[in-house]
Amino acid sequence: MGGESLETYQTVHRLLVKVGGDSDLRQIGRNFVENEEKSFVYFNYINELNNNSTMLKDRINKLRTEILRFELENKQYDQQWEGQLKELEGELEQRRGLANNLESQ
């Protein structure tokens, strides 16, 4: 059993040397830890970017909703003003007709 474990460790050591490019297992371990720390920093940075992206998308959607609401309000105001303008134009025509009738009498 001890021989198998030694062979296993030697096989793993050779594999680590091949993959890690260094025969010093401590250096391979340090490189691994350093790479894991970098990966963790990158992971956190990517999460932060994703969170910012989500917040910006939410803000854009809220702004789009507000824009649509303002456009609808603006359209309603335009329709209201057009209606009042037509009423005033109709009243103006009635008064012109009345004025013309009075002038002709």
C-alpha atoms as a PDB file:
ATOM      1  CA  MET A   1       0.000   0.000   0.000  1.00  0.00           C
ATOM      2  CA  GLY A   2       2.860   2.372   0.787  1.00  0.00           C
ATOM      3  CA  GLY A   3       4.387   1.733  -2.641  1.00  0.00           C
ATOM      4  CA  GLU A   4       1.173   2.552  -4.407  1.00  0.00           C
ATOM      5  CA  SER A   5       0.879   5.801  -2.503  1.00  0.00           C
ATOM      6  CA  LEU A   6       4.444   6.745  -3.389  1.00  0.00           C
ATOM      7  CA  GLU A   7       3.792   5.954  -7.042  1.00  0.00           C
ATOM      8  CA  THR A   8       0.610   7.986  -6.898  1.00  0.00           C
ATOM      9  CA  TYR A   9       2.456  10.932  -5.356  1.00  0.00           C
ATOM     10  CA  GLN A  10       5.240  10.648  -7.943  1.00  0.00           C
ATOM     11  CA  THR A  11       2.688  10.549 -10.757  1.00  0.00           C
ATOM     12  CA  VAL A  12       0.896  13.551  -9.352  1.00  0.00           C
ATOM     13  CA  HIS A  13       4.245  15.322  -8.857  1.00  0.00           C
ATOM     14  CA  ARG A  14       5.239  14.701 -12.474  1.00  0.00           C
ATOM     15  CA  LEU A  15       1.848  15.947 -13.627  1.00  0.00           C
ATOM     16  CA  LEU A  16       2.141  19.088 -11.482  1.00  0.00           C
ATOM     17  CA  VAL A  17       5.656  19.742 -12.797  1.00  0.00           C
ATOM     18  CA  LYS A  18       4.422  19.252 -16.356  1.00  0.00           C
ATOM     19  CA  VAL A  19       1.381  21.520 -15.899  1.00  0.00           C
ATOM     20  CA  GLY A  20       2.983  24.046 -13.552  1.00  0.00           C
ATOM     21  CA  GLY A  21       6.278  24.299 -15.422  1.00  0.00           C
ATOM     22  CA  ASP A  22       8.261  24.243 -12.170  1.00  0.00           C
ATOM     23  CA  SER A  23       9.735  21.384 -10.190  1.00  0.00           C
ATOM     24  CA  ASP A  24       9.368  23.214  -6.858  1.00  0.00           C
ATOM     25  CA  LEU A  25       6.035  22.162  -5.406  1.00  0.00           C
ATOM     26  CA  ARG A  26       6.040  25.127  -3.040  1.00  0.00           C
ATOM     27  CA  GLN A  27       6.366  27.517  -5.970  1.00  0.00           C
ATOM     28  CA  ILE A  28       3.573  25.672  -7.792  1.00  0.00           C
ATOM     29  CA  GLY A  29       1.448  26.054  -4.647  1.00  0.00           C
ATOM     30  CA  ARG A  30       2.267  29.769  -4.385  1.00  0.00           C
ATOM     31  CA  ASN A  31       1.443  30.248  -8.070  1.00  0.00           C
ATOM     32  CA  PHE A  32      -1.827  28.416  -7.574  1.00  0.00           C
ATOM     33  CA  VAL A  33      -2.799  30.554  -4.589  1.00  0.00           C
ATOM     34  CA  GLU A  34      -1.777  33.728  -6.445  1.00  0.00           C
ATOM     35  CA  ASN A  35      -3.838  32.728  -9.477  1.00  0.00           C
ATOM     36  CA  GLU A  36      -6.812  31.882  -7.270  1.00  0.00           C
ATOM     37  CA  GLU A  37      -6.586  35.284  -5.588  1.00  0.00           C
ATOM     38  CA  LYS A  38      -6.449  37.008  -8.983  1.00  0.00           C
ATOM     39  CA  SER A  39      -9.397  34.950 -10.164  1.00  0.00           C
ATOM     40  CA  PHE A  40     -11.354  35.945  -7.070  1.00  0.00           C
ATOM     41  CA  VAL A  41     -10.578  39.630  -7.656  1.00  0.00           C
ATOM     42  CA  TYR A  42     -11.646  39.314 -11.310  1.00  0.00           C
ATOM     43  CA  PHE A  43     -14.787  37.445 -10.274  1.00  0.00           C
ATOM     44  CA  ASN A  44     -15.726  40.214  -7.840  1.00  0.00           C
ATOM     45  CA  TYR A  45     -14.987  42.861 -10.464  1.00  0.00           C
ATOM     46  CA  ILE A  46     -17.169  41.099 -13.019  1.00  0.00           C
ATOM     47  CA  ASN A  47     -19.978  40.791 -10.462  1.00  0.00           C
ATOM     48  CA  GLU A  48     -19.686  44.498  -9.719  1.00  0.00           C
ATOM     49  CA  LEU A  49     -19.844  45.297 -13.439  1.00  0.00           C
ATOM     50  CA  ASN A  50     -22.880  43.049 -13.831  1.00  0.00           C
ATOM     51  CA  ASN A  51     -24.586  44.737 -10.881  1.00  0.00           C
ATOM     52  CA  ASN A  52     -23.845  48.164 -12.353  1.00  0.00           C
ATOM     53  CA  SER A  53     -25.127  47.004 -15.707  1.00  0.00           C
ATOM     54  CA  THR A  54     -28.335  45.740 -14.125  1.00  0.00           C
ATOM     55  CA  MET A  55     -28.816  49.003 -12.242  1.00  0.00           C
ATOM     56  CA  LEU A  56     -28.254  51.007 -15.435  1.00  0.00           C
ATOM     57  CA  LYS A  57     -30.702  48.829 -17.361  1.00  0.00           C
ATOM     58  CA  ASP A  58     -33.286  49.323 -14.625  1.00  0.00           C
ATOM     59  CA  ARG A  59     -32.689  53.075 -14.686  1.00  0.00           C
ATOM     60  CA  ILE A  60     -33.003  53.124 -18.484  1.00  0.00           C
ATOM     61  CA  ASN A  61     -36.293  51.223 -18.262  1.00  0.00           C
ATOM     62  CA  LYS A  62     -37.602  53.676 -15.662  1.00  0.00           C
ATOM     63  CA  LEU A  63     -36.562  56.606 -17.843  1.00  0.00           C
ATOM     64  CA  ARG A  64     -38.242  55.037 -20.868  1.00  0.00           C
ATOM     65  CA  THR A  65     -41.423  54.640 -18.821  1.00  0.00           C
ATOM     66  CA  GLU A  66     -41.230  58.285 -17.748  1.00  0.00           C
ATOM     67  CA  ILE A  67     -40.616  59.409 -21.325  1.00  0.00           C
ATOM     68  CA  LEU A  68     -43.648  57.448 -22.529  1.00  0.00           C
ATOM     69  CA  ARG A  69     -45.743  58.950 -19.733  1.00  0.00           C
ATOM     70  CA  PHE A  70     -44.584  62.470 -20.623  1.00  0.00           C
ATOM     71  CA  GLU A  71     -45.265  61.841 -24.302  1.00  0.00           C
ATOM     72  CA  LEU A  72     -48.780  60.668 -23.463  1.00  0.00           C
ATOM     73  CA  GLU A  73     -49.381  63.710 -21.240  1.00  0.00           C
ATOM     74  CA  ASN A  74     -48.025  65.966 -23.964  1.00  0.00           C
ATOM     75  CA  LYS A  75     -50.341  64.369 -26.515  1.00  0.00           C
ATOM     76  CA  GLN A  76     -53.300  64.835 -24.177  1.00  0.00           C
ATOM     77  CA  TYR A  77     -52.393  68.496 -23.632  1.00  0.00           C
ATOM     78  CA  ASP A  78     -52.036  68.986 -27.390  1.00  0.00           C
ATOM     79  CA  GLN A  79     -55.473  67.467 -27.952  1.00  0.00           C
ATOM     80  CA  GLN A  80     -56.928  69.634 -25.197  1.00  0.00           C
ATOM     81  CA  TRP A  81     -55.388  72.803 -26.686  1.00  0.00           C
ATOM     82  CA  GLU A  82     -56.541  71.839 -30.172  1.00  0.00           C
ATOM     83  CA  GLY A  83     -60.069  71.375 -28.856  1.00  0.00           C
ATOM     84  CA  GLN A  84     -60.018  74.748 -27.121  1.00  0.00           C
ATOM     85  CA  LEU A  85     -58.548  76.386 -30.221  1.00  0.00           C
ATOM     86  CA  LYS A  86     -61.317  74.942 -32.399  1.00  0.00           C
ATOM     87  CA  GLU A  87     -63.925  76.161 -29.912  1.00  0.00           C
ATOM     88  CA  LEU A  88     -62.404  79.639 -29.974  1.00  0.00           C
ATOM     89  CA  GLU A  89     -62.214  79.603 -33.770  1.00  0.00           C
ATOM     90  CA  GLY A  90     -65.884  78.562 -33.929  1.00  0.00           C
ATOM     91  CA  GLU A  91     -66.823  81.326 -31.512  1.00  0.00           C
ATOM     92  CA  LEU A  92     -64.787  83.797 -33.563  1.00  0.00           C
ATOM     93  CA  GLU A  93     -66.627  82.765 -36.736  1.00  0.00           C
ATOM     94  CA  GLN A  94     -69.994  83.174 -34.982  1.00  0.00           C
ATOM     95  CA  ARG A  95     -69.040  86.649 -33.800  1.00  0.00           C
ATOM     96  CA  ARG A  96     -67.753  87.595 -37.256  1.00  0.00           C
ATOM     97  CA  GLY A  97     -71.035  86.416 -38.739  1.00  0.00           C
ATOM     98  CA  LEU A  98     -72.932  88.381 -36.131  1.00  0.00           C
ATOM     99  CA  ALA A  99     -70.744  91.438 -36.767  1.00  0.00           C
ATOM    100  CA  ASN A 100     -71.275  91.113 -40.512  1.00  0.00           C
ATOM    101  CA  ASN A 101     -75.061  90.857 -39.982  1.00  0.00           C
ATOM    102  CA  LEU A 102     -75.031  93.899 -37.756  1.00  0.00           C
ATOM    103  CA  GLU A 103     -72.964  95.820 -40.278  1.00  0.00           C
ATOM    104  CA  SER A 104     -75.281  94.958 -43.121  1.00  0.00           C
ATOM    105  CA  GLN A 105     -78.329  96.068 -41.094  1.00  0.00           C
END
